[in-house]
Amino acid sequence: MRRVNISSGAKWEDLVGYSRAVRIGNQIEISGTTSVDGDTVIGKGDLYNQTFFIFQKIEKTLREAGASMNDVVRTRMYVTDISKWEEAGKAHSEFFKDIKPATSMIEVSRLIDPDLLIEIEVTAIIKE
């Protein structure tokens, strides 16, 4: 099976040595994604808006990899304040209400930037 690395062009990819996404065969793994656009955090202080923005970024990456949100089988959400889970859950539902992938929401002590409230990873499997 052929491996395809998908880049977003972010400087961090070369600095750290990772890809935005990797597709092997019909499986796609998307790296932890935050609400950063260039050097700007989108939705500062707003978990719902950060989550929604991240899923828009993930949707774009999936399209680049030849997939769609319908192919998502797993989401992992790392939040800095689990008491606000409903905000992230609402945005998740807006993208996955009918798809219903397996999911996890895990509280972490912090992310790489204090303005980031959530980071999300996704696994997709394209139907054959």
Protein backbone atom coordinates (compact mmCIF):
# COMPACT_ATOMS: atom_id res chain seq x y z
CA MET A 1 0.00 0.00 0.00
CA ARG A 2 1.17 3.46 -0.87
CA ARG A 3 1.73 6.04 1.87
CA VAL A 4 0.66 9.63 1.23
CA ASN A 5 1.71 12.39 3.63
CA ILE A 6 -0.53 15.45 3.56
CA SER A 7 0.91 18.77 4.66
CA SER A 8 -0.85 21.94 5.75
CA GLY A 9 2.31 23.94 5.17
CA ALA A 10 2.60 24.90 8.84
CA LYS A 11 6.18 25.57 9.92
CA TRP A 12 5.70 23.16 12.84
CA GLU A 13 5.45 20.14 10.54
CA ASP A 14 9.10 20.31 9.47
CA LEU A 15 10.28 21.58 12.85
CA VAL A 16 8.70 18.68 14.76
CA GLY A 17 8.71 16.11 11.94
CA TYR A 18 5.05 15.26 11.38
CA SER A 19 2.34 15.45 8.72
CA ARG A 20 -1.10 17.04 9.00
CA ALA A 21 -2.45 13.68 7.86
CA VAL A 22 -1.21 10.33 6.60
CA ARG A 23 -3.14 8.07 4.27
CA ILE A 24 -2.21 4.44 3.79
CA GLY A 25 -4.62 2.48 1.66
CA ASN A 26 -8.13 3.41 2.73
CA GLN A 27 -7.14 4.63 6.21
CA ILE A 28 -6.42 8.26 7.11
CA GLU A 29 -4.98 9.48 10.39
CA ILE A 30 -5.19 13.21 11.10
CA SER A 31 -2.74 14.70 13.58
CA GLY A 32 -3.82 16.68 16.60
CA THR A 33 -5.51 19.77 15.21
CA THR A 34 -6.01 23.07 17.01
CA SER A 35 -7.82 26.31 16.20
CA VAL A 36 -4.70 28.04 14.92
CA ASP A 37 -4.83 29.82 11.57
CA GLY A 38 -1.34 31.01 10.67
CA ASP A 39 -0.15 32.50 13.96
CA THR A 40 -3.64 33.40 15.22
CA VAL A 41 -5.76 31.39 17.66
CA ILE A 42 -9.34 31.42 16.39
CA GLY A 43 -12.06 31.55 19.06
CA LYS A 44 -9.98 32.64 22.05
CA GLY A 45 -11.85 31.78 25.24
CA ASP A 46 -14.65 29.98 23.34
CA LEU A 47 -14.54 26.19 23.34
CA TYR A 48 -17.48 25.83 20.95
CA ASN A 49 -15.94 28.12 18.32
CA GLN A 50 -12.52 26.50 18.61
CA THR A 51 -14.07 23.04 18.19
CA PHE A 52 -16.17 24.12 15.20
CA PHE A 53 -13.15 25.74 13.51
CA ILE A 54 -11.06 22.61 14.07
CA PHE A 55 -13.67 20.37 12.47
CA GLN A 56 -13.76 22.70 9.46
CA LYS A 57 -9.96 22.30 9.17
CA ILE A 58 -10.29 18.53 9.52
CA GLU A 59 -13.02 18.43 6.87
CA LYS A 60 -10.70 20.27 4.43
CA THR A 61 -7.85 17.86 5.19
CA LEU A 62 -10.10 14.86 4.63
CA ARG A 63 -11.12 16.22 1.22
CA GLU A 64 -7.43 16.62 0.32
CA ALA A 65 -6.94 12.97 1.30
CA GLY A 66 -9.89 11.82 -0.83
CA ALA A 67 -12.34 11.35 2.02
CA SER A 68 -15.18 13.12 3.78
CA MET A 69 -16.57 13.48 7.28
CA ASN A 70 -18.78 10.47 6.49
CA ASP A 71 -15.62 8.33 6.52
CA VAL A 72 -14.66 9.33 10.09
CA VAL A 73 -14.74 6.35 12.45
CA ARG A 74 -12.97 7.88 15.49
CA THR A 75 -12.50 11.29 17.07
CA ARG A 76 -10.34 12.12 20.07
CA MET A 77 -10.86 15.47 21.79
CA TYR A 78 -8.36 16.75 24.34
CA VAL A 79 -9.87 19.61 26.35
CA THR A 80 -8.33 21.80 29.05
CA ASP A 81 -11.61 22.10 31.00
CA ILE A 82 -13.88 19.05 30.93
CA SER A 83 -16.62 20.98 32.77
CA LYS A 84 -17.29 22.72 29.42
CA TRP A 85 -17.75 19.41 27.59
CA GLU A 86 -21.17 20.42 26.27
CA GLU A 87 -19.66 23.23 24.16
CA ALA A 88 -17.30 20.82 22.40
CA GLY A 89 -20.05 18.21 22.23
CA LYS A 90 -22.41 20.64 20.50
CA ALA A 91 -19.88 21.41 17.75
CA HIS A 92 -19.05 17.69 17.41
CA SER A 93 -22.72 16.91 16.97
CA GLU A 94 -23.12 19.52 14.24
CA PHE A 95 -20.61 17.58 12.13
CA PHE A 96 -21.32 14.01 13.26
CA LYS A 97 -24.96 13.82 14.43
CA ASP A 98 -25.84 11.21 11.82
CA ILE A 99 -22.36 9.68 11.37
CA LYS A 100 -21.75 8.88 15.04
CA PRO A 101 -18.06 7.89 15.10
CA ALA A 102 -16.50 6.40 18.19
CA THR A 103 -15.15 9.24 20.32
CA SER A 104 -13.23 10.19 23.42
CA MET A 105 -13.06 13.46 25.32
CA ILE A 106 -10.14 13.66 27.69
CA GLU A 107 -9.14 16.50 30.00
CA VAL A 108 -5.50 17.54 29.81
CA SER A 109 -3.67 19.99 32.03
CA ARG A 110 -2.70 22.25 29.12
CA LEU A 111 -1.95 22.47 25.43
CA ILE A 112 1.03 24.05 23.66
CA ASP A 113 -0.52 27.56 23.79
CA PRO A 114 -2.55 28.74 26.81
CA ASP A 115 -5.23 30.18 24.48
CA LEU A 116 -5.93 26.72 23.02
CA LEU A 117 -8.81 24.99 24.76
CA ILE A 118 -9.03 21.82 22.62
CA GLU A 119 -7.00 19.65 20.27
CA ILE A 120 -8.64 16.98 18.11
CA GLU A 121 -7.37 13.85 16.31
CA VAL A 122 -9.40 11.93 13.73
CA THR A 123 -9.26 8.51 12.11
CA ALA A 124 -11.12 7.92 8.84
CA ILE A 125 -11.57 4.78 6.80
CA ILE A 126 -12.76 5.19 3.25
CA LYS A 127 -15.41 2.67 2.25
CA GLU A 128 -14.18 0.36 -0.47
